[in-house]
Amino acid sequence: MSFFVYIMASRPAGALYTGRSTDLRQRVEAHRAGLSPHTAKYKIKTLVWFEEHADFEQSLKRERSI
């Protein structure tokens, strides 16, 4: 199973959101649909970066380090 750490943004020099998911495509679609209250409030809809990890703990440590 793959674990993804990702960063989404509202606009250049705008709000950022860092997250983690096993299904990156579905999670990005949920953010864009406004299903997350925080990302909906700040209009965070653009995926700007992601990386894939094979291990849950490694992905959690990476997310927290960002």
Protein backbone atom coordinates (compact mmCIF):
# COMPACT_ATOMS: atom_id res chain seq x y z
CA MET A 1 0.00 0.00 0.00
CA SER A 2 1.20 3.52 -0.79
CA PHE A 3 0.89 6.52 1.47
CA PHE A 4 1.00 10.02 0.02
CA VAL A 5 2.06 13.25 1.72
CA TYR A 6 0.82 16.31 -0.14
CA ILE A 7 0.59 20.09 -0.10
CA MET A 8 -2.32 22.06 -1.54
CA ALA A 9 -2.57 25.83 -1.98
CA SER A 10 -5.24 28.45 -2.50
CA ARG A 11 -3.13 30.73 -4.74
CA PRO A 12 0.46 31.98 -4.98
CA ALA A 13 1.46 33.38 -1.56
CA GLY A 14 -1.91 32.18 -0.19
CA ALA A 15 -3.00 29.55 2.31
CA LEU A 16 -1.38 26.10 2.37
CA TYR A 17 -2.65 22.72 3.55
CA THR A 18 -0.48 19.69 4.26
CA GLY A 19 -2.09 16.27 4.39
CA ARG A 20 -1.63 12.53 4.08
CA SER A 21 -3.74 9.95 2.27
CA THR A 22 -3.71 6.45 0.78
CA ASP A 23 -5.81 7.61 -2.18
CA LEU A 24 -4.41 10.93 -3.36
CA ARG A 25 -6.76 11.37 -6.30
CA GLN A 26 -9.88 10.89 -4.16
CA ARG A 27 -8.56 13.18 -1.42
CA VAL A 28 -7.74 16.01 -3.84
CA GLU A 29 -11.20 15.69 -5.38
CA ALA A 30 -12.73 15.93 -1.88
CA HIS A 31 -10.78 19.14 -1.18
CA ARG A 32 -11.87 20.62 -4.51
CA ALA A 33 -15.50 19.70 -3.82
CA GLY A 34 -15.36 21.58 -0.50
CA LEU A 35 -15.81 18.50 1.71
CA SER A 36 -13.08 19.62 4.11
CA PRO A 37 -14.23 22.65 6.15
CA HIS A 38 -10.72 24.14 6.46
CA THR A 39 -9.81 23.89 2.78
CA ALA A 40 -13.28 25.08 1.75
CA LYS A 41 -13.03 28.15 4.02
CA TYR A 42 -9.69 29.20 2.52
CA LYS A 43 -10.47 28.01 -1.03
CA ILE A 44 -7.52 25.60 -1.07
CA LYS A 45 -7.96 23.60 -4.28
CA THR A 46 -4.62 23.33 -6.10
CA LEU A 47 -2.28 20.37 -5.55
CA VAL A 48 1.24 21.81 -5.63
CA TRP A 49 3.39 18.95 -4.37
CA PHE A 50 3.23 15.30 -3.28
CA GLU A 51 5.48 12.36 -2.50
CA GLU A 52 4.80 8.66 -2.08
CA HIS A 53 5.89 6.47 0.84
CA ALA A 54 5.65 2.71 1.28
CA ASP A 55 5.37 2.90 5.08
CA PHE A 56 2.67 4.54 7.25
CA GLU A 57 5.08 5.67 9.97
CA GLN A 58 7.46 7.18 7.43
CA SER A 59 4.62 9.16 5.82
CA LEU A 60 3.42 10.37 9.23
CA LYS A 61 6.91 11.56 10.21
CA ARG A 62 7.32 13.32 6.87
CA GLU A 63 3.95 15.09 7.16
CA ARG A 64 4.80 16.28 10.66
CA SER A 65 8.24 17.49 9.58
CA ILE A 66 6.67 19.68 6.89
